[in-house]
Amino acid sequence: MRRLTWFNATSLTLGFAFLYIPMIVVIIYSFNESRLVTVWGGFSTKWYGELLRNESFLDAAWVTFQVGFFSSIIATVLGTMGAYVLVRGGRFYGRTLFSGMMYAPLVMPEVITGLSLLLLFISIGLDRGMFTIILAHGTFAMCYVSVVVSSRLVSFDRSVEEAALDLGCTPFEAFRLVTLPIIAPAVISGWLLALTLSLDDLVIASFVAGPSATTLPIKVFSSIRLGVSPEINALSTILIGIVTIGTIAASLTTKRAVMRRQREERMAEQAG
């Protein structure tokens, strides 16, 4: 095992400080009594109450979660189908073009993607709103899901699927009963990634969102252009708390699953 040198320790300390000190400052000033975010006026939780009474922020948050939920479902379904075709479809006419179109949003600037989708919606006469944001987010998140699911399809043993076919399953039944349960962790990971990308997106949503649908990132960005409000600090603290709780819960779930599998393996070895 390599020893921790002073250079590595200093690099880690500076890196973590650069990442987390701004978050800690935001959390501290979310409990500031003063309206001026840079002047400490005493401890208070009033800005959390003001945030919960702010209808515009609550509406934007509700729109954001609806868009994230539905767009991630669309991206997961289409991305999984695209990954299955690329991995299991073999060589077919237009495969190179199809593969390029699947992975193009990974390297395409978001400004170009947002502008292209805006021109498409205008040309077909589709009014901008929550529906157009869902379509846009589902479109660009689909390729990320495809990458995650493709890596799992490539690595798992196909002999199990072939055995199901030999035992009388149709290709669809083999996919539903054998393949899908095996790649389920990758599909869930792709869904979570698509959901995260949708909740975080600002550039594409600013092109395709209409006056009837404003996402939370757009609302926050438009608010801080006039100065950072203490309500923004409170909102950021709540989001940091949600992410922290989700990360801890996922880590504990993974750890318990690993411990349960190890315990089952030991019991199997003892029984054998």
Protein backbone atom coordinates (compact mmCIF):
# COMPACT_ATOMS: atom_id res chain seq x y z
CA MET A 1 0.00 0.00 0.00
CA ARG A 2 1.38 3.40 -0.98
CA ARG A 3 1.98 5.88 1.82
CA LEU A 4 0.12 9.17 1.90
CA THR A 5 2.71 11.82 1.03
CA TRP A 6 2.51 15.49 1.99
CA PHE A 7 1.87 16.39 -1.66
CA ASN A 8 -1.11 14.05 -1.93
CA ALA A 9 -2.51 15.18 1.41
CA THR A 10 -2.18 18.84 0.43
CA SER A 11 -3.79 18.24 -2.96
CA LEU A 12 -6.72 16.39 -1.40
CA THR A 13 -7.20 19.06 1.24
CA LEU A 14 -7.17 21.90 -1.29
CA GLY A 15 -9.46 19.99 -3.64
CA PHE A 16 -12.06 19.20 -0.99
CA ALA A 17 -11.82 22.74 0.38
CA PHE A 18 -12.43 24.19 -3.07
CA LEU A 19 -15.49 21.96 -3.51
CA TYR A 20 -17.12 22.10 -0.09
CA ILE A 21 -16.24 25.42 1.54
CA PRO A 22 -18.62 27.36 -0.77
CA MET A 23 -21.40 24.91 0.14
CA ILE A 24 -20.70 25.33 3.84
CA VAL A 25 -20.81 29.12 3.46
CA VAL A 26 -24.18 28.88 1.67
CA ILE A 27 -25.56 26.66 4.44
CA ILE A 28 -24.37 29.03 7.17
CA TYR A 29 -25.76 32.15 5.50
CA SER A 30 -29.10 30.45 4.89
CA PHE A 31 -29.66 30.95 8.64
CA ASN A 32 -28.73 34.63 8.46
CA GLU A 33 -31.18 37.13 9.95
CA SER A 34 -30.08 39.92 7.62
CA ARG A 35 -31.41 40.31 4.10
CA LEU A 36 -27.86 41.12 2.98
CA VAL A 37 -26.29 37.75 2.27
CA THR A 38 -22.75 38.97 2.97
CA VAL A 39 -23.55 40.60 6.34
CA TRP A 40 -24.23 38.35 9.33
CA GLY A 41 -27.19 39.67 11.31
CA GLY A 42 -27.78 36.78 13.71
CA PHE A 43 -29.24 33.28 13.59
CA SER A 44 -32.70 32.88 12.08
CA THR A 45 -34.74 30.37 10.10
CA LYS A 46 -37.17 32.92 8.69
CA TRP A 47 -35.89 32.60 5.13
CA TYR A 48 -36.99 28.97 5.04
CA GLY A 49 -40.48 30.14 5.92
CA GLU A 50 -40.29 32.84 3.26
CA LEU A 51 -39.19 30.22 0.73
CA LEU A 52 -42.13 27.94 1.57
CA ARG A 53 -44.49 30.89 1.11
CA ASN A 54 -42.95 31.87 -2.24
CA GLU A 55 -45.45 30.57 -4.80
CA SER A 56 -43.16 31.18 -7.78
CA PHE A 57 -40.39 28.97 -6.36
CA LEU A 58 -42.86 26.26 -5.34
CA ASP A 59 -44.45 26.24 -8.81
CA ALA A 60 -41.02 26.08 -10.46
CA ALA A 61 -40.00 23.19 -8.20
CA TRP A 62 -43.20 21.28 -9.03
CA VAL A 63 -42.66 21.80 -12.77
CA THR A 64 -39.03 20.69 -12.42
CA PHE A 65 -39.91 17.43 -10.66
CA GLN A 66 -42.68 16.64 -13.15
CA VAL A 67 -40.36 17.28 -16.09
CA GLY A 68 -37.57 15.23 -14.50
CA PHE A 69 -39.84 12.26 -13.75
CA PHE A 70 -41.49 11.97 -17.16
CA SER A 71 -38.42 12.86 -19.23
CA SER A 72 -36.29 10.31 -17.36
CA ILE A 73 -38.86 7.60 -18.09
CA ILE A 74 -38.83 8.49 -21.79
CA ALA A 75 -35.04 8.58 -21.84
CA THR A 76 -34.77 5.25 -20.02
CA VAL A 77 -37.15 3.43 -22.35
CA LEU A 78 -35.66 4.82 -25.56
CA GLY A 79 -32.07 4.59 -24.32
CA THR A 80 -32.50 0.95 -23.29
CA MET A 81 -34.03 0.10 -26.65
CA GLY A 82 -31.22 1.89 -28.48
CA ALA A 83 -28.56 0.13 -26.40
CA TYR A 84 -30.14 -3.27 -27.06
CA VAL A 85 -30.19 -2.63 -30.80
CA LEU A 86 -26.55 -1.50 -30.83
CA VAL A 87 -25.27 -4.42 -28.76
CA ARG A 88 -27.51 -7.23 -29.99
CA GLY A 89 -28.49 -6.00 -33.45
CA GLY A 90 -25.30 -7.11 -35.12
CA ARG A 91 -24.41 -5.47 -38.40
CA PHE A 92 -27.27 -3.79 -40.20
CA TYR A 93 -27.64 -1.12 -42.83
CA GLY A 94 -27.21 2.32 -41.27
CA ARG A 95 -25.65 1.06 -38.03
CA THR A 96 -22.86 3.63 -38.14
CA LEU A 97 -25.32 6.47 -38.68
CA PHE A 98 -27.60 5.17 -35.93
CA SER A 99 -24.71 4.85 -33.49
CA GLY A 100 -23.51 8.35 -34.31
CA MET A 101 -26.98 9.80 -33.80
CA MET A 102 -27.32 8.02 -30.45
CA TYR A 103 -24.05 9.38 -29.08
CA ALA A 104 -24.03 12.80 -30.74
CA PRO A 105 -25.72 14.61 -27.79
CA LEU A 106 -22.82 13.54 -25.58
CA VAL A 107 -20.45 15.88 -27.40
CA MET A 108 -22.93 18.37 -28.85
CA PRO A 109 -22.90 21.78 -27.11
CA GLU A 110 -26.12 22.31 -25.19
CA VAL A 111 -26.64 25.66 -26.89
CA ILE A 112 -26.78 23.94 -30.28
CA THR A 113 -29.12 21.24 -28.96
CA GLY A 114 -31.44 23.78 -27.37
CA LEU A 115 -31.51 26.01 -30.45
CA SER A 116 -32.16 23.04 -32.76
CA LEU A 117 -35.06 21.84 -30.64
CA LEU A 118 -36.47 25.36 -30.44
CA LEU A 119 -36.46 25.68 -34.23
CA LEU A 120 -38.06 22.23 -34.54
CA PHE A 121 -40.88 23.09 -32.15
CA ILE A 122 -41.50 26.40 -33.91
CA SER A 123 -41.53 24.77 -37.36
CA ILE A 124 -44.15 22.17 -36.36
CA GLY A 125 -46.23 24.74 -34.49
CA LEU A 126 -45.83 23.19 -31.05
CA ASP A 127 -46.36 25.69 -28.25
CA ARG A 128 -43.53 25.83 -25.76
CA GLY A 129 -44.30 24.65 -22.27
CA MET A 130 -43.78 21.71 -19.95
CA PHE A 131 -44.40 19.19 -22.75
CA THR A 132 -41.61 20.62 -24.92
CA ILE A 133 -39.21 20.59 -21.95
CA ILE A 134 -40.03 16.92 -21.34
CA LEU A 135 -39.35 16.07 -24.99
CA ALA A 136 -36.09 18.04 -24.99
CA HIS A 137 -34.77 16.51 -21.78
CA GLY A 138 -35.79 13.03 -22.83
CA THR A 139 -33.97 13.52 -26.12
CA PHE A 140 -30.59 14.56 -24.76
CA ALA A 141 -30.67 12.26 -21.69
CA MET A 142 -31.43 9.22 -23.84
CA CYS A 143 -27.84 8.87 -25.00
CA TYR A 144 -26.52 8.80 -21.41
CA VAL A 145 -28.90 5.97 -20.57
CA SER A 146 -27.79 4.15 -23.71
CA VAL A 147 -24.13 4.32 -22.67
CA VAL A 148 -24.84 2.95 -19.18
CA VAL A 149 -27.08 0.11 -20.39
CA SER A 150 -24.76 -0.79 -23.28
CA SER A 151 -21.85 -1.36 -20.91
CA ARG A 152 -23.97 -3.84 -18.92
CA LEU A 153 -25.28 -5.63 -22.01
CA VAL A 154 -21.76 -6.13 -23.33
CA SER A 155 -20.45 -7.60 -20.08
CA PHE A 156 -23.12 -10.09 -19.01
CA ASP A 157 -23.11 -13.75 -20.00
CA ARG A 158 -25.44 -14.42 -22.93
CA SER A 159 -25.51 -18.16 -22.26
CA VAL A 160 -28.27 -17.60 -19.68
CA GLU A 161 -30.39 -15.87 -22.29
CA GLU A 162 -29.63 -18.57 -24.84
CA ALA A 163 -30.66 -21.25 -22.32
CA ALA A 164 -34.02 -19.51 -21.89
CA LEU A 165 -34.50 -19.55 -25.66
CA ASP A 166 -33.60 -23.24 -25.80
CA LEU A 167 -36.19 -23.96 -23.10
CA GLY A 168 -39.00 -22.48 -25.18
CA CYS A 169 -39.05 -18.78 -24.39
CA THR A 170 -39.76 -16.36 -27.20
CA PRO A 171 -37.18 -13.59 -27.72
CA PHE A 172 -39.49 -11.12 -25.95
CA GLU A 173 -40.05 -13.49 -23.02
CA ALA A 174 -36.30 -14.10 -22.74
CA PHE A 175 -35.70 -10.37 -22.64
CA ARG A 176 -38.46 -9.77 -20.09
CA LEU A 177 -37.71 -12.71 -17.79
CA VAL A 178 -33.93 -13.02 -18.10
CA THR A 179 -32.19 -10.07 -19.73
CA LEU A 180 -34.14 -7.24 -18.13
CA PRO A 181 -33.70 -8.47 -14.51
CA ILE A 182 -29.97 -8.85 -15.11
CA ILE A 183 -29.53 -5.36 -16.56
CA ALA A 184 -32.03 -3.80 -14.12
CA PRO A 185 -29.29 -2.12 -11.99
CA ALA A 186 -27.92 -0.43 -15.12
CA VAL A 187 -31.41 0.63 -16.21
CA ILE A 188 -32.10 2.11 -12.78
CA SER A 189 -28.73 3.86 -12.84
CA GLY A 190 -29.55 5.29 -16.26
CA TRP A 191 -32.92 6.51 -14.99
CA LEU A 192 -31.30 8.22 -12.01
CA LEU A 193 -28.69 9.81 -14.28
CA ALA A 194 -31.39 11.07 -16.66
CA LEU A 195 -33.37 12.44 -13.71
CA THR A 196 -30.30 14.25 -12.38
CA LEU A 197 -29.49 15.74 -15.77
CA SER A 198 -33.07 16.96 -16.16
CA LEU A 199 -33.23 18.54 -12.70
CA ASP A 200 -29.90 20.29 -13.28
CA ASP A 201 -30.41 21.51 -16.85
CA LEU A 202 -30.58 25.24 -17.51
CA VAL A 203 -29.36 25.87 -21.06
CA ILE A 204 -31.68 23.58 -23.04
CA ALA A 205 -34.67 24.36 -20.82
CA SER A 206 -34.17 28.09 -21.33
CA PHE A 207 -34.63 27.58 -25.09
CA VAL A 208 -37.67 25.31 -25.04
CA ALA A 209 -39.52 26.56 -21.94
CA GLY A 210 -42.48 28.86 -22.42
CA PRO A 211 -44.06 31.42 -20.10
CA SER A 212 -46.41 28.76 -18.74
CA ALA A 213 -43.61 26.49 -17.49
CA THR A 214 -40.51 27.68 -15.64
CA THR A 215 -38.10 25.16 -14.16
CA LEU A 216 -36.27 25.73 -10.90
CA PRO A 217 -32.81 26.31 -12.48
CA ILE A 218 -34.31 28.99 -14.75
CA LYS A 219 -36.07 30.58 -11.78
CA VAL A 220 -32.91 30.61 -9.68
CA PHE A 221 -30.79 31.99 -12.52
CA SER A 222 -33.26 34.78 -13.26
CA SER A 223 -33.46 35.62 -9.54
CA ILE A 224 -29.71 35.93 -8.89
CA ARG A 225 -29.26 38.29 -11.82
CA LEU A 226 -30.77 40.95 -9.56
CA GLY A 227 -28.69 39.85 -6.56
CA VAL A 228 -28.50 36.76 -4.38
CA SER A 229 -31.49 36.52 -2.08
CA PRO A 230 -31.36 34.71 1.29
CA GLU A 231 -34.17 32.53 -0.04
CA ILE A 232 -31.73 31.20 -2.65
CA ASN A 233 -29.39 30.17 0.16
CA ALA A 234 -32.25 28.39 1.91
CA LEU A 235 -33.23 26.61 -1.30
CA SER A 236 -29.63 25.56 -1.94
CA THR A 237 -29.34 24.22 1.60
CA ILE A 238 -32.50 22.13 1.16
CA LEU A 239 -31.18 20.69 -2.11
CA ILE A 240 -27.82 19.91 -0.52
CA GLY A 241 -29.63 18.14 2.30
CA ILE A 242 -31.74 16.07 -0.12
CA VAL A 243 -28.65 15.02 -2.09
CA THR A 244 -26.76 14.17 1.09
CA ILE A 245 -29.59 12.04 2.46
CA GLY A 246 -29.98 10.28 -0.90
CA THR A 247 -26.25 9.55 -1.10
CA ILE A 248 -26.11 8.18 2.44
CA ALA A 249 -29.21 6.04 1.86
CA ALA A 250 -27.77 4.64 -1.38
CA SER A 251 -24.45 3.87 0.33
CA LEU A 252 -26.15 2.09 3.22
CA THR A 253 -28.35 0.09 0.84
CA THR A 254 -25.34 -0.97 -1.22
CA LYS A 255 -23.38 -1.89 1.89
CA ARG A 256 -26.25 -3.98 3.26
CA ALA A 257 -26.63 -5.77 -0.08
CA VAL A 258 -22.92 -6.60 -0.14
CA MET A 259 -23.00 -7.84 3.47
CA ARG A 260 -26.10 -9.96 2.78
CA ARG A 261 -24.47 -11.51 -0.29
CA GLN A 262 -21.29 -12.28 1.65
CA ARG A 263 -23.33 -13.82 4.47
CA GLU A 264 -25.26 -15.98 1.99
CA GLU A 265 -22.00 -17.10 0.38
CA ARG A 266 -20.56 -18.09 3.75
CA MET A 267 -23.73 -20.00 4.62
CA ALA A 268 -23.58 -21.79 1.26
CA GLU A 269 -19.95 -22.73 1.85
CA GLN A 270 -20.74 -24.05 5.33
CA ALA A 271 -23.71 -26.04 4.01
CA GLY A 272 -21.57 -27.52 1.26
